[in-house]
N, C-alpha and C. Protein backbone atom coordinates (compact mmCIF):
# COMPACT_ATOMS: atom_id res chain seq x y z
N UNK A 1 116.95 39.50 74.21
CA UNK A 1 116.82 40.84 73.71
C UNK A 1 115.38 41.07 73.26
N UNK A 2 114.91 42.26 73.57
CA UNK A 2 113.53 42.55 73.21
C UNK A 2 113.42 42.85 71.73
N UNK A 3 112.30 42.48 71.23
CA UNK A 3 112.02 42.75 69.83
C UNK A 3 111.23 44.05 69.76
N UNK A 4 111.89 45.12 69.34
CA UNK A 4 111.17 46.39 69.24
C UNK A 4 111.28 46.92 67.81
N UNK A 5 110.26 47.60 67.46
CA UNK A 5 110.22 48.11 66.10
C UNK A 5 111.19 49.28 65.96
N UNK A 6 111.47 49.60 64.75
CA UNK A 6 112.37 50.71 64.45
C UNK A 6 111.80 52.02 64.97
N UNK A 7 110.49 52.20 64.86
CA UNK A 7 109.85 53.42 65.32
C UNK A 7 109.96 53.56 66.84
N UNK A 8 109.80 52.44 67.55
CA UNK A 8 109.90 52.46 68.99
C UNK A 8 111.33 52.83 69.42
N UNK A 9 112.33 52.28 68.76
CA UNK A 9 113.72 52.57 69.07
C UNK A 9 114.03 54.06 68.81
N UNK A 10 113.54 54.59 67.71
CA UNK A 10 113.75 56.00 67.38
C UNK A 10 113.08 56.89 68.43
N UNK A 11 111.88 56.51 68.85
CA UNK A 11 111.16 57.29 69.86
C UNK A 11 111.94 57.31 71.18
N UNK A 12 112.46 56.19 71.59
CA UNK A 12 113.25 56.10 72.82
C UNK A 12 114.53 56.94 72.72
N UNK A 13 115.20 56.88 71.58
CA UNK A 13 116.41 57.67 71.38
C UNK A 13 116.10 59.17 71.44
N UNK A 14 114.99 59.54 70.79
CA UNK A 14 114.58 60.95 70.79
C UNK A 14 114.27 61.41 72.22
N UNK A 15 113.55 60.58 72.98
CA UNK A 15 113.23 60.92 74.37
C UNK A 15 114.51 61.08 75.20
N UNK A 16 115.49 60.20 74.98
CA UNK A 16 116.75 60.29 75.72
C UNK A 16 117.48 61.59 75.39
N UNK A 17 117.50 61.97 74.12
CA UNK A 17 118.15 63.22 73.71
C UNK A 17 117.43 64.42 74.33
N UNK A 18 116.11 64.38 74.34
CA UNK A 18 115.34 65.49 74.93
C UNK A 18 115.62 65.61 76.42
N UNK A 19 115.62 64.50 77.15
CA UNK A 19 115.90 64.53 78.59
C UNK A 19 117.30 65.09 78.86
N UNK A 20 118.26 64.65 78.07
CA UNK A 20 119.63 65.11 78.26
C UNK A 20 119.75 66.60 77.97
N UNK A 21 119.09 67.06 76.93
CA UNK A 21 119.12 68.48 76.57
C UNK A 21 118.50 69.33 77.68
N UNK A 22 117.37 68.90 78.21
CA UNK A 22 116.71 69.65 79.28
C UNK A 22 117.57 69.67 80.53
N UNK A 23 118.16 68.53 80.86
CA UNK A 23 119.04 68.45 82.03
C UNK A 23 120.24 69.37 81.89
N UNK A 24 120.85 69.40 80.70
CA UNK A 24 122.00 70.28 80.47
C UNK A 24 121.61 71.75 80.53
N UNK A 25 120.45 72.08 79.98
CA UNK A 25 119.98 73.47 80.00
C UNK A 25 119.72 73.90 81.45
N UNK A 26 119.13 73.02 82.24
CA UNK A 26 118.88 73.34 83.65
C UNK A 26 120.21 73.58 84.38
N UNK A 27 121.21 72.76 84.10
CA UNK A 27 122.52 72.93 84.74
C UNK A 27 123.15 74.26 84.32
N UNK A 28 123.03 74.61 83.03
CA UNK A 28 123.56 75.89 82.55
C UNK A 28 122.89 77.07 83.24
N UNK A 29 121.57 77.00 83.38
CA UNK A 29 120.84 78.09 84.04
C UNK A 29 121.25 78.20 85.51
N UNK A 30 121.43 77.07 86.17
CA UNK A 30 121.84 77.08 87.57
C UNK A 30 123.22 77.75 87.72
N UNK A 31 124.14 77.43 86.81
CA UNK A 31 125.47 78.05 86.84
C UNK A 31 125.37 79.55 86.58
N UNK A 32 124.54 79.94 85.62
CA UNK A 32 124.38 81.36 85.28
C UNK A 32 123.82 82.13 86.47
N UNK A 33 122.79 81.59 87.13
CA UNK A 33 122.21 82.26 88.30
C UNK A 33 123.24 82.36 89.43
N UNK A 34 124.04 81.32 89.58
CA UNK A 34 125.08 81.33 90.61
C UNK A 34 126.11 82.42 90.31
N UNK A 35 126.52 82.56 89.04
CA UNK A 35 127.47 83.61 88.65
C UNK A 35 126.88 85.00 88.91
N UNK A 36 125.61 85.16 88.57
CA UNK A 36 124.97 86.46 88.79
C UNK A 36 124.90 86.80 90.28
N UNK A 37 124.54 85.82 91.11
CA UNK A 37 124.46 86.08 92.55
C UNK A 37 125.80 86.50 93.12
N UNK A 38 126.88 85.92 92.64
CA UNK A 38 128.21 86.28 93.13
C UNK A 38 128.60 87.70 92.71
N UNK A 39 128.15 88.15 91.53
CA UNK A 39 128.55 89.46 91.02
C UNK A 39 127.61 90.58 91.46
N UNK A 40 126.34 90.30 91.71
CA UNK A 40 125.38 91.35 92.04
C UNK A 40 125.54 91.80 93.49
N UNK A 41 125.30 93.10 93.70
CA UNK A 41 125.37 93.69 95.02
C UNK A 41 124.09 94.49 95.22
N UNK A 42 123.48 94.32 96.38
CA UNK A 42 122.29 95.10 96.68
C UNK A 42 122.66 96.57 96.81
N UNK A 43 121.77 97.43 96.40
CA UNK A 43 122.01 98.87 96.43
C UNK A 43 122.34 99.34 97.86
N UNK A 44 121.61 98.78 98.85
CA UNK A 44 121.81 99.19 100.24
C UNK A 44 123.21 98.82 100.74
N UNK A 45 123.83 97.80 100.14
CA UNK A 45 125.14 97.35 100.58
C UNK A 45 126.28 98.20 100.01
N UNK A 46 125.99 99.06 99.05
CA UNK A 46 127.02 99.93 98.48
C UNK A 46 127.38 101.04 99.46
N UNK A 47 128.62 101.50 99.45
CA UNK A 47 128.98 102.66 100.28
C UNK A 47 128.15 103.88 99.86
N UNK A 48 127.92 104.78 100.80
CA UNK A 48 127.08 105.96 100.54
C UNK A 48 127.59 106.76 99.36
N UNK A 49 128.90 106.94 99.23
CA UNK A 49 129.44 107.71 98.10
C UNK A 49 129.11 107.05 96.77
N UNK A 50 129.18 105.73 96.73
CA UNK A 50 128.85 105.01 95.50
C UNK A 50 127.36 105.11 95.21
N UNK A 51 126.53 105.04 96.24
CA UNK A 51 125.08 105.18 96.06
C UNK A 51 124.77 106.56 95.47
N UNK A 52 125.40 107.59 96.01
CA UNK A 52 125.15 108.94 95.52
C UNK A 52 125.64 109.12 94.08
N UNK A 53 126.73 108.43 93.73
CA UNK A 53 127.27 108.57 92.38
C UNK A 53 126.32 107.98 91.34
N UNK A 54 125.67 106.85 91.65
CA UNK A 54 124.83 106.19 90.64
C UNK A 54 123.35 106.46 90.83
N UNK A 55 122.99 107.16 91.88
CA UNK A 55 121.59 107.43 92.16
C UNK A 55 121.05 108.52 91.24
N UNK A 56 119.83 108.35 90.81
CA UNK A 56 119.16 109.36 90.00
C UNK A 56 117.88 109.76 90.75
N UNK A 57 117.85 110.96 91.26
CA UNK A 57 116.69 111.43 92.00
C UNK A 57 115.61 111.84 91.01
N UNK A 58 114.40 111.41 91.28
CA UNK A 58 113.29 111.74 90.40
C UNK A 58 112.78 113.14 90.67
N UNK A 59 112.39 113.79 89.64
CA UNK A 59 111.78 115.11 89.76
C UNK A 59 110.44 115.04 89.05
N UNK A 60 109.40 115.28 89.80
CA UNK A 60 108.06 115.14 89.25
C UNK A 60 107.44 116.51 89.13
N UNK A 61 107.76 117.17 88.09
CA UNK A 61 107.24 118.51 87.87
C UNK A 61 105.91 118.43 87.13
N UNK A 62 104.95 119.10 87.67
CA UNK A 62 103.66 119.20 87.01
C UNK A 62 103.54 120.60 86.41
N UNK A 63 103.00 120.66 85.27
CA UNK A 63 102.81 121.95 84.61
C UNK A 63 101.69 122.70 85.34
N UNK A 64 101.97 123.93 85.77
CA UNK A 64 100.96 124.69 86.50
C UNK A 64 99.73 125.01 85.65
N UNK A 65 99.88 125.04 84.34
CA UNK A 65 98.74 125.31 83.49
C UNK A 65 97.79 124.12 83.43
N UNK A 66 98.29 122.95 83.78
CA UNK A 66 97.45 121.76 83.72
C UNK A 66 96.46 121.78 84.88
N UNK A 67 95.23 121.50 84.57
CA UNK A 67 94.17 121.49 85.57
C UNK A 67 93.52 120.11 85.55
N UNK A 68 93.34 119.56 86.74
CA UNK A 68 92.69 118.27 86.88
C UNK A 68 91.29 118.50 87.43
N UNK A 69 90.29 118.01 86.76
CA UNK A 69 88.92 118.13 87.25
C UNK A 69 88.47 116.78 87.77
N UNK A 70 88.17 116.76 89.08
CA UNK A 70 87.77 115.52 89.74
C UNK A 70 86.45 115.76 90.44
N UNK A 71 85.43 115.05 90.01
CA UNK A 71 84.11 115.12 90.62
C UNK A 71 83.65 116.56 90.83
N UNK A 72 83.78 117.36 89.78
CA UNK A 72 83.30 118.74 89.81
C UNK A 72 84.26 119.74 90.43
N UNK A 73 85.38 119.30 90.94
CA UNK A 73 86.37 120.19 91.57
C UNK A 73 87.60 120.23 90.67
N UNK A 74 88.01 121.44 90.27
CA UNK A 74 89.19 121.60 89.42
C UNK A 74 90.40 121.92 90.30
N UNK A 75 91.49 121.16 90.08
CA UNK A 75 92.69 121.28 90.90
C UNK A 75 93.87 121.58 89.99
N UNK A 76 94.67 122.56 90.36
CA UNK A 76 95.86 122.89 89.56
C UNK A 76 97.00 121.96 89.98
N UNK A 77 98.01 121.91 89.13
CA UNK A 77 99.18 121.11 89.43
C UNK A 77 99.87 121.56 90.71
N UNK A 78 99.87 122.86 90.95
CA UNK A 78 100.50 123.40 92.17
C UNK A 78 99.73 122.96 93.42
N UNK A 79 98.40 122.96 93.35
CA UNK A 79 97.59 122.50 94.49
C UNK A 79 97.86 121.02 94.77
N UNK A 80 97.94 120.24 93.71
CA UNK A 80 98.21 118.81 93.87
C UNK A 80 99.60 118.60 94.47
N UNK A 81 100.59 119.33 93.97
CA UNK A 81 101.96 119.22 94.48
C UNK A 81 102.01 119.59 95.96
N UNK A 82 101.33 120.65 96.34
CA UNK A 82 101.32 121.08 97.74
C UNK A 82 100.62 120.05 98.63
N UNK A 83 99.55 119.46 98.14
CA UNK A 83 98.83 118.45 98.92
C UNK A 83 99.68 117.20 99.10
N UNK A 84 100.36 116.78 98.04
CA UNK A 84 101.23 115.60 98.15
C UNK A 84 102.36 115.87 99.13
N UNK A 85 102.88 117.08 99.16
CA UNK A 85 103.97 117.44 100.08
C UNK A 85 103.53 117.37 101.54
N UNK A 86 102.24 117.53 101.81
CA UNK A 86 101.72 117.48 103.18
C UNK A 86 101.49 116.06 103.68
N UNK A 87 101.56 115.08 102.80
CA UNK A 87 101.33 113.69 103.20
C UNK A 87 102.46 113.18 104.08
N UNK A 88 102.17 112.21 104.95
CA UNK A 88 103.25 111.54 105.69
C UNK A 88 104.23 110.91 104.68
N UNK A 89 105.48 110.80 105.08
CA UNK A 89 106.55 110.39 104.15
C UNK A 89 106.25 109.06 103.46
N UNK A 90 105.82 108.05 104.19
CA UNK A 90 105.58 106.74 103.59
C UNK A 90 104.46 106.80 102.55
N UNK A 91 103.38 107.49 102.88
CA UNK A 91 102.26 107.60 101.94
C UNK A 91 102.69 108.38 100.68
N UNK A 92 103.51 109.41 100.90
CA UNK A 92 104.02 110.20 99.77
C UNK A 92 104.87 109.33 98.84
N UNK A 93 105.75 108.53 99.42
CA UNK A 93 106.62 107.67 98.62
C UNK A 93 105.79 106.63 97.87
N UNK A 94 104.83 106.01 98.55
CA UNK A 94 103.99 104.99 97.92
C UNK A 94 103.21 105.59 96.76
N UNK A 95 102.63 106.75 96.97
CA UNK A 95 101.85 107.39 95.89
C UNK A 95 102.75 107.78 94.72
N UNK A 96 103.94 108.31 95.01
CA UNK A 96 104.87 108.66 93.93
C UNK A 96 105.28 107.43 93.13
N UNK A 97 105.60 106.35 93.82
CA UNK A 97 106.00 105.12 93.11
C UNK A 97 104.85 104.56 92.29
N UNK A 98 103.65 104.59 92.84
CA UNK A 98 102.50 104.01 92.15
C UNK A 98 102.08 104.84 90.93
N UNK A 99 101.93 106.14 91.13
CA UNK A 99 101.41 106.98 90.05
C UNK A 99 102.47 107.54 89.11
N UNK A 100 103.62 107.95 89.65
CA UNK A 100 104.62 108.57 88.79
C UNK A 100 105.61 107.57 88.22
N UNK A 101 105.96 106.53 88.99
CA UNK A 101 106.86 105.49 88.49
C UNK A 101 106.09 104.34 87.86
N UNK A 102 104.77 104.36 88.03
CA UNK A 102 103.86 103.37 87.45
C UNK A 102 104.19 101.94 87.89
N UNK A 103 104.49 101.77 89.18
CA UNK A 103 104.74 100.45 89.74
C UNK A 103 103.44 99.88 90.29
N UNK A 104 103.31 98.57 90.28
CA UNK A 104 102.14 97.93 90.88
C UNK A 104 102.29 97.96 92.40
N UNK A 105 101.18 97.65 93.10
CA UNK A 105 101.26 97.60 94.56
C UNK A 105 102.29 96.57 95.01
N UNK A 106 102.37 95.46 94.29
CA UNK A 106 103.33 94.42 94.65
C UNK A 106 104.76 94.94 94.50
N UNK A 107 105.06 95.61 93.39
CA UNK A 107 106.40 96.14 93.15
C UNK A 107 106.74 97.26 94.13
N UNK A 108 105.75 98.10 94.47
CA UNK A 108 105.98 99.16 95.46
C UNK A 108 106.32 98.52 96.80
N UNK A 109 105.55 97.48 97.16
CA UNK A 109 105.82 96.78 98.41
C UNK A 109 107.21 96.18 98.44
N UNK A 110 107.61 95.55 97.34
CA UNK A 110 108.95 94.96 97.27
C UNK A 110 110.03 96.03 97.42
N UNK A 111 109.82 97.18 96.78
CA UNK A 111 110.81 98.25 96.84
C UNK A 111 110.96 98.83 98.24
N UNK A 112 109.87 98.82 99.01
CA UNK A 112 109.88 99.43 100.34
C UNK A 112 109.94 98.41 101.47
N UNK A 113 109.99 97.14 101.13
CA UNK A 113 110.03 96.10 102.16
C UNK A 113 108.69 95.90 102.84
N UNK A 114 107.62 96.13 102.10
CA UNK A 114 106.26 95.96 102.62
C UNK A 114 105.57 94.83 101.86
N UNK A 115 104.48 94.35 102.43
CA UNK A 115 103.67 93.38 101.69
C UNK A 115 102.84 94.14 100.66
N UNK A 116 102.26 93.42 99.71
CA UNK A 116 101.42 94.06 98.71
C UNK A 116 100.22 94.71 99.38
N UNK A 117 99.65 94.04 100.37
CA UNK A 117 98.48 94.58 101.05
C UNK A 117 98.82 95.86 101.82
N UNK A 118 100.00 95.91 102.45
CA UNK A 118 100.41 97.13 103.16
C UNK A 118 100.62 98.27 102.19
N UNK A 119 101.22 97.97 101.05
CA UNK A 119 101.43 98.99 100.02
C UNK A 119 100.09 99.54 99.55
N UNK A 120 99.14 98.64 99.31
CA UNK A 120 97.79 99.03 98.89
C UNK A 120 97.14 99.90 99.95
N UNK A 121 97.27 99.50 101.23
CA UNK A 121 96.67 100.25 102.32
C UNK A 121 97.24 101.67 102.38
N UNK A 122 98.56 101.80 102.33
CA UNK A 122 99.18 103.13 102.41
C UNK A 122 98.80 103.99 101.21
N UNK A 123 98.68 103.38 100.03
CA UNK A 123 98.26 104.14 98.85
C UNK A 123 96.83 104.62 99.01
N UNK A 124 95.92 103.73 99.41
CA UNK A 124 94.51 104.12 99.55
C UNK A 124 94.30 105.14 100.65
N UNK A 125 94.98 104.96 101.79
CA UNK A 125 94.82 105.94 102.87
C UNK A 125 95.45 107.28 102.47
N UNK A 126 96.53 107.23 101.69
CA UNK A 126 97.13 108.46 101.17
C UNK A 126 96.20 109.17 100.20
N UNK A 127 95.52 108.38 99.37
CA UNK A 127 94.54 108.97 98.43
C UNK A 127 93.39 109.63 99.19
N UNK A 128 92.91 108.97 100.25
CA UNK A 128 91.83 109.55 101.05
C UNK A 128 92.28 110.85 101.70
N UNK A 129 93.50 110.87 102.21
CA UNK A 129 94.03 112.08 102.82
C UNK A 129 94.18 113.19 101.77
N UNK A 130 94.62 112.83 100.57
CA UNK A 130 94.70 113.82 99.49
C UNK A 130 93.32 114.38 99.15
N UNK A 131 92.32 113.51 99.10
CA UNK A 131 90.95 113.99 98.82
C UNK A 131 90.51 115.01 99.88
N UNK A 132 90.80 114.71 101.15
CA UNK A 132 90.43 115.64 102.23
C UNK A 132 91.19 116.96 102.08
N UNK A 133 92.49 116.87 101.82
CA UNK A 133 93.30 118.08 101.67
C UNK A 133 92.84 118.94 100.50
N UNK A 134 92.39 118.30 99.44
CA UNK A 134 91.99 119.01 98.22
C UNK A 134 90.49 119.34 98.20
N UNK A 135 89.75 118.84 99.17
CA UNK A 135 88.32 119.11 99.22
C UNK A 135 87.53 118.36 98.17
N UNK A 136 88.00 117.17 97.83
CA UNK A 136 87.30 116.34 96.84
C UNK A 136 86.57 115.24 97.59
N UNK A 137 85.28 115.03 97.28
CA UNK A 137 84.56 113.96 97.98
C UNK A 137 85.21 112.60 97.75
N UNK A 138 85.20 111.76 98.78
CA UNK A 138 85.81 110.42 98.67
C UNK A 138 84.84 109.41 98.09
N UNK A 139 85.36 108.20 97.90
CA UNK A 139 84.52 107.11 97.42
C UNK A 139 83.74 106.56 98.59
N UNK A 140 82.45 106.37 98.40
CA UNK A 140 81.63 105.86 99.49
C UNK A 140 80.82 104.69 99.04
């Protein structure tokens, strides 16, 4: 039998308890994630009637009295709304999610099934198109 000090024995016991606790916590988390996966349903997999029942459509109303001044050009909320409406659908959705829902490019990409870089590209090209539609000089 090895001759070990009391402190060494206590340290080993403490390490064993810590390892066991971590292992049990990991097993609990694995079970919890498994339970969640079994209960969760993707939104796309729901029947259309159920999607419509729980869906909340966003309404992004801008106050017409509000004026945005960008690089010497003043734009009303109505002008901005009309310009956004003229954008291609994907660019419009990306810009709405980024600016009105305040999602990052990564989150916008995840929501639309795009990469972060594609989301960034569609947002930037949409912004450039908005600048042209509104007569605001672009970044050069």
